[in-house]
Amino acid sequence: MIDLHGRLDQVICLKCHRREDREQLQARLKALNPFLQETGQTAPDGDADVEDHQVPRVTVPDCETCAGTLKPEVVFFGGNVNREIVQHIYTELEQADGLLIVGSSLKVFSGYRFCRYAAEQGLPIASINPGVTRADPLIQTKIQAEASPVLASVC
């Protein structure tokens, strides 16, 4: 499995590139900001609503190694996927028996290009996604459902 656009359960330091589990960062964030009330549910991207009057009081934790800035280890819209990851995926596809896409509409080219490449190589393509994907014409097996329950039942 390759996380093309990163992982929300990890953060990375922009200065020294040290990685940390998001849960550890969340614990430090709560310890530094005890005045924040639990908001209940967090958004899918890990965000939570903070009252406007609280924003200036929020202390954001720095990297414990170099005091650098931390960010979720994901590619934000407009950002580029790491070239080494892209090349790694092409190399893996050249050795693969097929391609499985999980939980992606493939609307951005960064993921869709691998479907095109797999199709050019004659690899079977399968997808688990609740809706239409950009690669539907290339996909031989499509399970139109949320990925988590499907994968849980398979595992």
N, C-alpha and C. Protein backbone atom coordinates (compact mmCIF):
# COMPACT_ATOMS: atom_id res chain seq x y z
N MET A 1 0.84 -1.18 0.00
CA MET A 1 0.00 0.00 0.00
C MET A 1 0.89 1.23 0.00
N ILE A 2 0.53 2.19 -0.83
CA ILE A 2 1.29 3.44 -0.91
C ILE A 2 0.31 4.59 -0.68
N ASP A 3 0.65 5.44 0.27
CA ASP A 3 -0.17 6.62 0.57
C ASP A 3 0.29 7.75 -0.34
N LEU A 4 -0.33 7.87 -1.50
CA LEU A 4 0.09 8.84 -2.51
C LEU A 4 0.09 10.27 -1.99
N HIS A 5 -0.97 10.65 -1.31
CA HIS A 5 -1.10 12.03 -0.84
C HIS A 5 -0.82 12.19 0.64
N GLY A 6 -0.14 11.20 1.23
CA GLY A 6 0.24 11.31 2.63
C GLY A 6 -0.76 10.67 3.56
N ARG A 7 -0.58 11.00 4.84
CA ARG A 7 -1.40 10.40 5.90
C ARG A 7 -1.75 11.44 6.94
N LEU A 8 -3.03 11.50 7.28
CA LEU A 8 -3.46 12.44 8.31
C LEU A 8 -3.10 12.00 9.72
N ASP A 9 -2.72 10.74 9.89
CA ASP A 9 -2.39 10.27 11.23
C ASP A 9 -0.93 10.55 11.58
N GLN A 10 -0.22 11.29 10.72
CA GLN A 10 1.16 11.67 10.98
C GLN A 10 1.36 13.15 10.70
N VAL A 11 2.31 13.74 11.41
CA VAL A 11 2.73 15.11 11.12
C VAL A 11 4.23 15.07 10.83
N ILE A 12 4.68 16.08 10.12
CA ILE A 12 6.10 16.14 9.75
C ILE A 12 6.62 17.54 10.05
N CYS A 13 7.87 17.62 10.46
CA CYS A 13 8.52 18.91 10.69
C CYS A 13 9.03 19.42 9.35
N LEU A 14 8.70 20.65 9.04
CA LEU A 14 9.12 21.24 7.77
C LEU A 14 10.61 21.58 7.76
N LYS A 15 11.24 21.59 8.93
CA LYS A 15 12.66 21.94 9.03
C LYS A 15 13.56 20.69 9.03
N CYS A 16 13.33 19.77 9.95
CA CYS A 16 14.22 18.60 10.08
C CYS A 16 13.61 17.31 9.53
N HIS A 17 12.34 17.36 9.11
CA HIS A 17 11.61 16.23 8.51
C HIS A 17 11.33 15.08 9.48
N ARG A 18 11.43 15.36 10.77
CA ARG A 18 11.07 14.35 11.77
C ARG A 18 9.56 14.12 11.71
N ARG A 19 9.16 12.85 11.81
CA ARG A 19 7.74 12.50 11.79
C ARG A 19 7.27 12.19 13.21
N GLU A 20 5.99 12.47 13.43
CA GLU A 20 5.38 12.23 14.74
C GLU A 20 3.95 11.77 14.51
N ASP A 21 3.46 10.88 15.36
CA ASP A 21 2.06 10.48 15.27
C ASP A 21 1.17 11.66 15.59
N ARG A 22 0.08 11.78 14.86
CA ARG A 22 -0.87 12.87 15.08
C ARG A 22 -1.44 12.83 16.49
N GLU A 23 -1.64 11.63 17.03
CA GLU A 23 -2.18 11.51 18.40
C GLU A 23 -1.25 12.14 19.42
N GLN A 24 0.06 11.95 19.24
CA GLN A 24 1.03 12.57 20.15
C GLN A 24 0.96 14.09 20.06
N LEU A 25 0.86 14.59 18.85
CA LEU A 25 0.74 16.04 18.66
C LEU A 25 -0.55 16.55 19.30
N GLN A 26 -1.64 15.82 19.11
CA GLN A 26 -2.92 16.24 19.69
C GLN A 26 -2.82 16.32 21.21
N ALA A 27 -2.13 15.36 21.83
CA ALA A 27 -1.96 15.38 23.28
C ALA A 27 -1.17 16.62 23.71
N ARG A 28 -0.12 16.95 22.98
CA ARG A 28 0.67 18.15 23.30
C ARG A 28 -0.16 19.41 23.07
N LEU A 29 -0.95 19.42 22.01
CA LEU A 29 -1.81 20.57 21.71
C LEU A 29 -2.81 20.80 22.84
N LYS A 30 -3.43 19.74 23.33
CA LYS A 30 -4.39 19.87 24.43
C LYS A 30 -3.70 20.32 25.71
N ALA A 31 -2.50 19.81 25.96
CA ALA A 31 -1.77 20.19 27.18
C ALA A 31 -1.38 21.67 27.14
N LEU A 32 -1.04 22.19 25.97
CA LEU A 32 -0.66 23.60 25.84
C LEU A 32 -1.87 24.53 25.82
N ASN A 33 -3.06 23.99 25.58
CA ASN A 33 -4.26 24.81 25.43
C ASN A 33 -5.42 24.24 26.24
N PRO A 34 -5.28 24.20 27.57
CA PRO A 34 -6.32 23.59 28.40
C PRO A 34 -7.65 24.34 28.34
N PHE A 35 -7.65 25.57 27.87
CA PHE A 35 -8.89 26.35 27.82
C PHE A 35 -9.82 25.90 26.69
N LEU A 36 -9.30 25.14 25.75
CA LEU A 36 -10.14 24.70 24.63
C LEU A 36 -11.12 23.63 25.09
N GLN A 37 -12.35 23.80 24.72
CA GLN A 37 -13.38 22.81 25.04
C GLN A 37 -13.37 21.73 23.96
N GLU A 38 -13.73 20.53 24.34
CA GLU A 38 -13.88 19.46 23.34
C GLU A 38 -14.97 19.88 22.36
N THR A 39 -14.70 19.76 21.09
CA THR A 39 -15.68 20.14 20.08
C THR A 39 -16.55 18.99 19.65
N GLY A 40 -16.31 17.81 20.21
CA GLY A 40 -17.07 16.64 19.78
C GLY A 40 -16.36 15.98 18.62
N GLN A 41 -16.98 16.02 17.48
CA GLN A 41 -16.44 15.38 16.29
C GLN A 41 -15.40 16.27 15.61
N THR A 42 -14.33 15.64 15.16
CA THR A 42 -13.38 16.36 14.32
C THR A 42 -13.75 16.12 12.87
N ALA A 43 -13.33 17.02 12.01
CA ALA A 43 -13.59 16.89 10.58
C ALA A 43 -12.70 15.79 10.00
N PRO A 44 -13.02 15.29 8.79
CA PRO A 44 -12.21 14.24 8.19
C PRO A 44 -10.74 14.61 8.03
N ASP A 45 -10.44 15.89 7.91
CA ASP A 45 -9.04 16.31 7.75
C ASP A 45 -8.34 16.52 9.09
N GLY A 46 -9.01 16.19 10.19
CA GLY A 46 -8.41 16.32 11.51
C GLY A 46 -8.66 17.66 12.17
N ASP A 47 -9.25 18.60 11.47
CA ASP A 47 -9.52 19.91 12.04
C ASP A 47 -10.71 19.85 13.01
N ALA A 48 -10.77 20.86 13.84
CA ALA A 48 -11.92 21.05 14.73
C ALA A 48 -12.20 22.54 14.79
N ASP A 49 -13.45 22.88 15.05
CA ASP A 49 -13.81 24.29 15.15
C ASP A 49 -13.27 24.89 16.44
N VAL A 50 -12.70 26.08 16.36
CA VAL A 50 -12.23 26.84 17.52
C VAL A 50 -12.97 28.17 17.46
N GLU A 51 -13.52 28.58 18.59
CA GLU A 51 -14.23 29.86 18.64
C GLU A 51 -13.28 31.00 18.24
N ASP A 52 -13.80 31.98 17.53
CA ASP A 52 -12.98 33.10 17.05
C ASP A 52 -12.21 33.79 18.17
N HIS A 53 -12.85 33.95 19.33
CA HIS A 53 -12.18 34.65 20.43
C HIS A 53 -11.04 33.82 21.03
N GLN A 54 -11.02 32.52 20.76
CA GLN A 54 -9.97 31.65 21.30
C GLN A 54 -8.74 31.57 20.40
N VAL A 55 -8.89 31.88 19.12
CA VAL A 55 -7.79 31.71 18.16
C VAL A 55 -6.50 32.41 18.60
N PRO A 56 -6.54 33.67 19.03
CA PRO A 56 -5.28 34.32 19.42
C PRO A 56 -4.59 33.67 20.63
N ARG A 57 -5.34 32.92 21.43
CA ARG A 57 -4.78 32.29 22.62
C ARG A 57 -4.20 30.90 22.35
N VAL A 58 -4.44 30.34 21.15
CA VAL A 58 -4.00 28.98 20.84
C VAL A 58 -2.48 28.94 20.69
N THR A 59 -1.86 28.01 21.40
CA THR A 59 -0.42 27.76 21.28
C THR A 59 -0.24 26.49 20.46
N VAL A 60 0.46 26.61 19.35
CA VAL A 60 0.70 25.46 18.47
C VAL A 60 2.06 24.85 18.82
N PRO A 61 2.11 23.55 19.07
CA PRO A 61 3.38 22.91 19.42
C PRO A 61 4.38 22.96 18.27
N ASP A 62 5.65 23.09 18.62
CA ASP A 62 6.73 23.04 17.64
C ASP A 62 7.33 21.64 17.64
N CYS A 63 8.19 21.36 16.69
CA CYS A 63 8.93 20.11 16.64
C CYS A 63 9.76 19.97 17.91
N GLU A 64 9.71 18.82 18.53
CA GLU A 64 10.45 18.58 19.77
C GLU A 64 11.95 18.46 19.52
N THR A 65 12.35 18.22 18.29
CA THR A 65 13.76 18.07 17.97
C THR A 65 14.43 19.39 17.63
N CYS A 66 13.78 20.20 16.76
CA CYS A 66 14.46 21.40 16.26
C CYS A 66 13.64 22.68 16.41
N ALA A 67 12.45 22.58 17.02
CA ALA A 67 11.53 23.71 17.19
C ALA A 67 10.97 24.22 15.86
N GLY A 68 11.03 23.38 14.82
CA GLY A 68 10.48 23.74 13.52
C GLY A 68 8.96 23.66 13.51
N THR A 69 8.39 24.06 12.39
CA THR A 69 6.95 24.06 12.19
C THR A 69 6.47 22.67 11.78
N LEU A 70 5.39 22.22 12.40
CA LEU A 70 4.80 20.92 12.09
C LEU A 70 3.58 21.10 11.20
N LYS A 71 3.34 20.12 10.34
CA LYS A 71 2.13 20.12 9.52
C LYS A 71 1.70 18.68 9.29
N PRO A 72 0.42 18.47 9.02
CA PRO A 72 -0.01 17.11 8.69
C PRO A 72 0.80 16.61 7.49
N GLU A 73 1.13 15.33 7.50
CA GLU A 73 1.94 14.80 6.41
C GLU A 73 1.05 14.42 5.23
N VAL A 74 0.49 15.45 4.62
CA VAL A 74 -0.36 15.29 3.45
C VAL A 74 0.03 16.34 2.40
N VAL A 75 -0.31 16.03 1.17
CA VAL A 75 -0.11 16.99 0.09
C VAL A 75 -1.39 17.82 0.03
N PHE A 76 -1.25 19.11 0.29
CA PHE A 76 -2.41 19.99 0.23
C PHE A 76 -2.73 20.33 -1.23
N PHE A 77 -3.96 20.78 -1.49
CA PHE A 77 -4.34 21.17 -2.84
C PHE A 77 -3.36 22.21 -3.35
N GLY A 78 -2.89 21.98 -4.57
CA GLY A 78 -1.91 22.87 -5.16
C GLY A 78 -0.49 22.43 -4.92
N GLY A 79 -0.30 21.50 -3.99
CA GLY A 79 1.04 20.98 -3.71
C GLY A 79 1.39 19.84 -4.65
N ASN A 80 2.64 19.43 -4.62
CA ASN A 80 3.10 18.35 -5.49
C ASN A 80 3.41 17.09 -4.69
N VAL A 81 3.10 15.96 -5.28
CA VAL A 81 3.47 14.67 -4.70
C VAL A 81 4.98 14.52 -4.85
N ASN A 82 5.61 14.00 -3.81
CA ASN A 82 7.04 13.77 -3.81
C ASN A 82 7.45 12.93 -5.02
N ARG A 83 8.47 13.37 -5.76
CA ARG A 83 8.91 12.67 -6.98
C ARG A 83 9.37 11.25 -6.70
N GLU A 84 9.99 11.03 -5.54
CA GLU A 84 10.44 9.67 -5.21
C GLU A 84 9.25 8.72 -5.05
N ILE A 85 8.15 9.23 -4.49
CA ILE A 85 6.95 8.40 -4.34
C ILE A 85 6.38 8.06 -5.70
N VAL A 86 6.33 9.06 -6.58
CA VAL A 86 5.82 8.83 -7.94
C VAL A 86 6.64 7.76 -8.64
N GLN A 87 7.95 7.88 -8.60
CA GLN A 87 8.81 6.89 -9.26
C GLN A 87 8.66 5.52 -8.61
N HIS A 88 8.54 5.50 -7.28
CA HIS A 88 8.35 4.24 -6.56
C HIS A 88 7.07 3.54 -7.03
N ILE A 89 6.01 4.29 -7.24
CA ILE A 89 4.75 3.70 -7.68
C ILE A 89 4.90 3.12 -9.08
N TYR A 90 5.54 3.85 -9.99
CA TYR A 90 5.76 3.31 -11.33
C TYR A 90 6.58 2.02 -11.27
N THR A 91 7.60 1.99 -10.44
CA THR A 91 8.43 0.79 -10.30
C THR A 91 7.60 -0.37 -9.75
N GLU A 92 6.78 -0.10 -8.75
CA GLU A 92 5.93 -1.14 -8.18
C GLU A 92 4.92 -1.66 -9.20
N LEU A 93 4.36 -0.75 -10.01
CA LEU A 93 3.40 -1.18 -11.03
C LEU A 93 4.05 -2.09 -12.07
N GLU A 94 5.30 -1.84 -12.37
CA GLU A 94 6.00 -2.68 -13.35
C GLU A 94 6.17 -4.11 -12.84
N GLN A 95 6.09 -4.30 -11.53
CA GLN A 95 6.25 -5.63 -10.93
C GLN A 95 4.93 -6.20 -10.40
N ALA A 96 3.85 -5.46 -10.53
CA ALA A 96 2.58 -5.82 -9.91
C ALA A 96 1.74 -6.74 -10.79
N ASP A 97 0.81 -7.43 -10.14
CA ASP A 97 -0.16 -8.26 -10.84
C ASP A 97 -1.44 -7.48 -11.13
N GLY A 98 -1.59 -6.31 -10.51
CA GLY A 98 -2.78 -5.50 -10.69
C GLY A 98 -2.69 -4.26 -9.84
N LEU A 99 -3.71 -3.42 -9.94
CA LEU A 99 -3.77 -2.16 -9.19
C LEU A 99 -5.10 -2.09 -8.46
N LEU A 100 -5.06 -1.80 -7.16
CA LEU A 100 -6.26 -1.59 -6.37
C LEU A 100 -6.27 -0.16 -5.89
N ILE A 101 -7.32 0.56 -6.23
CA ILE A 101 -7.50 1.94 -5.77
C ILE A 101 -8.53 1.91 -4.65
N VAL A 102 -8.18 2.51 -3.51
CA VAL A 102 -9.07 2.48 -2.35
C VAL A 102 -9.42 3.91 -1.94
N GLY A 103 -10.70 4.22 -1.96
CA GLY A 103 -11.19 5.49 -1.42
C GLY A 103 -10.76 6.73 -2.16
N SER A 104 -10.70 6.67 -3.48
CA SER A 104 -10.31 7.85 -4.25
C SER A 104 -11.20 8.00 -5.47
N SER A 105 -11.60 9.24 -5.72
CA SER A 105 -12.37 9.54 -6.94
C SER A 105 -11.43 9.72 -8.14
N LEU A 106 -10.14 9.85 -7.86
CA LEU A 106 -9.12 10.03 -8.90
C LEU A 106 -9.37 11.29 -9.74
N LYS A 107 -9.98 12.29 -9.12
CA LYS A 107 -10.28 13.52 -9.86
C LYS A 107 -9.02 14.31 -10.19
N VAL A 108 -7.99 14.18 -9.36
CA VAL A 108 -6.74 14.88 -9.67
C VAL A 108 -5.81 13.93 -10.43
N PHE A 109 -5.00 14.48 -11.28
CA PHE A 109 -4.16 13.68 -12.16
C PHE A 109 -3.13 12.87 -11.41
N SER A 110 -2.72 13.34 -10.22
CA SER A 110 -1.64 12.66 -9.49
C SER A 110 -1.95 11.19 -9.23
N GLY A 111 -3.19 10.83 -9.05
CA GLY A 111 -3.56 9.43 -8.87
C GLY A 111 -4.02 8.77 -10.15
N TYR A 112 -4.73 9.51 -10.96
CA TYR A 112 -5.29 8.99 -12.20
C TYR A 112 -4.19 8.49 -13.15
N ARG A 113 -3.04 9.16 -13.15
CA ARG A 113 -1.96 8.78 -14.08
C ARG A 113 -1.52 7.34 -13.88
N PHE A 114 -1.61 6.84 -12.64
CA PHE A 114 -1.20 5.46 -12.37
C PHE A 114 -2.21 4.46 -12.92
N CYS A 115 -3.46 4.85 -12.96
CA CYS A 115 -4.48 4.00 -13.59
C CYS A 115 -4.22 3.92 -15.09
N ARG A 116 -3.93 5.04 -15.68
CA ARG A 116 -3.62 5.04 -17.12
C ARG A 116 -2.40 4.17 -17.40
N TYR A 117 -1.37 4.30 -16.56
CA TYR A 117 -0.16 3.52 -16.75
C TYR A 117 -0.44 2.02 -16.58
N ALA A 118 -1.21 1.67 -15.55
CA ALA A 118 -1.55 0.26 -15.33
C ALA A 118 -2.33 -0.29 -16.51
N ALA A 119 -3.26 0.50 -17.03
CA ALA A 119 -4.05 0.05 -18.19
C ALA A 119 -3.14 -0.15 -19.41
N GLU A 120 -2.19 0.76 -19.61
CA GLU A 120 -1.24 0.62 -20.73
C GLU A 120 -0.40 -0.65 -20.58
N GLN A 121 -0.12 -1.05 -19.33
CA GLN A 121 0.67 -2.25 -19.06
C GLN A 121 -0.18 -3.52 -19.11
N GLY A 122 -1.49 -3.37 -19.28
CA GLY A 122 -2.39 -4.51 -19.33
C GLY A 122 -2.72 -5.09 -17.97
N LEU A 123 -2.51 -4.30 -16.91
CA LEU A 123 -2.81 -4.76 -15.56
C LEU A 123 -4.29 -4.61 -15.25
N PRO A 124 -4.88 -5.59 -14.55
CA PRO A 124 -6.26 -5.40 -14.11
C PRO A 124 -6.32 -4.34 -13.02
N ILE A 125 -7.39 -3.57 -13.04
CA ILE A 125 -7.57 -2.49 -12.07
C ILE A 125 -8.88 -2.71 -11.33
N ALA A 126 -8.82 -2.61 -10.00
CA ALA A 126 -10.00 -2.72 -9.16
C ALA A 126 -10.10 -1.46 -8.30
N SER A 127 -11.31 -1.14 -7.89
CA SER A 127 -11.53 0.06 -7.10
C SER A 127 -12.58 -0.19 -6.02
N ILE A 128 -12.32 0.40 -4.84
CA ILE A 128 -13.32 0.44 -3.77
C ILE A 128 -13.55 1.93 -3.49
N ASN A 129 -14.73 2.41 -3.87
CA ASN A 129 -15.04 3.84 -3.72
C ASN A 129 -16.56 4.00 -3.79
N PRO A 130 -17.13 4.89 -2.98
CA PRO A 130 -18.58 5.00 -2.97
C PRO A 130 -19.20 5.65 -4.21
N GLY A 131 -18.41 6.36 -4.99
CA GLY A 131 -18.99 7.07 -6.12
C GLY A 131 -18.24 6.84 -7.41
N VAL A 132 -18.55 7.66 -8.37
CA VAL A 132 -17.93 7.60 -9.68
C VAL A 132 -16.47 8.04 -9.57
N THR A 133 -15.59 7.40 -10.34
CA THR A 133 -14.20 7.81 -10.39
C THR A 133 -13.84 8.23 -11.80
N ARG A 134 -12.80 8.98 -11.91
CA ARG A 134 -12.30 9.42 -13.21
C ARG A 134 -11.84 8.23 -14.05
N ALA A 135 -11.44 7.15 -13.40
CA ALA A 135 -10.89 5.99 -14.10
C ALA A 135 -11.92 4.89 -14.35
N ASP A 136 -13.19 5.16 -14.13
CA ASP A 136 -14.20 4.11 -14.29
C ASP A 136 -14.08 3.35 -15.62
N PRO A 137 -13.80 4.02 -16.74
CA PRO A 137 -13.66 3.26 -17.99
C PRO A 137 -12.47 2.30 -18.01
N LEU A 138 -11.50 2.50 -17.12
CA LEU A 138 -10.31 1.64 -17.08
C LEU A 138 -10.43 0.52 -16.05
N ILE A 139 -11.41 0.61 -15.15
CA ILE A 139 -11.54 -0.30 -14.02
C ILE A 139 -12.35 -1.54 -14.43
N GLN A 140 -11.78 -2.71 -14.15
CA GLN A 140 -12.49 -3.96 -14.45
C GLN A 140 -13.39 -4.40 -13.28
N THR A 141 -12.96 -4.18 -12.06
CA THR A 141 -13.73 -4.58 -10.88
C THR A 141 -13.95 -3.38 -10.00
N LYS A 142 -15.22 -3.03 -9.79
CA LYS A 142 -15.51 -1.85 -8.97
C LYS A 142 -16.49 -2.24 -7.87
N ILE A 143 -16.08 -1.97 -6.65
CA ILE A 143 -16.97 -2.14 -5.50
C ILE A 143 -17.39 -0.75 -5.09
N GLN A 144 -18.66 -0.43 -5.34
CA GLN A 144 -19.15 0.92 -5.07
C GLN A 144 -19.68 0.98 -3.65
N ALA A 145 -18.73 1.27 -2.70
CA ALA A 145 -19.07 1.32 -1.28
C ALA A 145 -17.96 2.05 -0.54
N GLU A 146 -18.25 2.40 0.73
CA GLU A 146 -17.22 2.98 1.59
C GLU A 146 -16.11 1.96 1.78
N ALA A 147 -14.87 2.41 1.77
CA ALA A 147 -13.73 1.49 1.82
C ALA A 147 -13.59 0.78 3.17
N SER A 148 -13.77 1.48 4.27
CA SER A 148 -13.51 0.88 5.59
C SER A 148 -14.31 -0.40 5.85
N PRO A 149 -15.62 -0.41 5.66
CA PRO A 149 -16.36 -1.66 5.92
C PRO A 149 -15.97 -2.79 4.97
N VAL A 150 -15.72 -2.45 3.71
CA VAL A 150 -15.33 -3.47 2.75
C VAL A 150 -13.99 -4.10 3.14
N LEU A 151 -13.02 -3.26 3.45
CA LEU A 151 -11.71 -3.77 3.82
C LEU A 151 -11.76 -4.54 5.14
N ALA A 152 -12.56 -4.08 6.07
CA ALA A 152 -12.70 -4.79 7.35
C ALA A 152 -13.26 -6.18 7.14
N SER A 153 -14.24 -6.32 6.25
CA SER A 153 -14.83 -7.64 6.01
C SER A 153 -13.85 -8.55 5.27
N VAL A 154 -13.01 -8.00 4.43
CA VAL A 154 -12.02 -8.80 3.71
C VAL A 154 -10.91 -9.26 4.64
N CYS A 155 -10.48 -8.37 5.53
CA CYS A 155 -9.40 -8.70 6.44
C CYS A 155 -9.87 -9.63 7.53
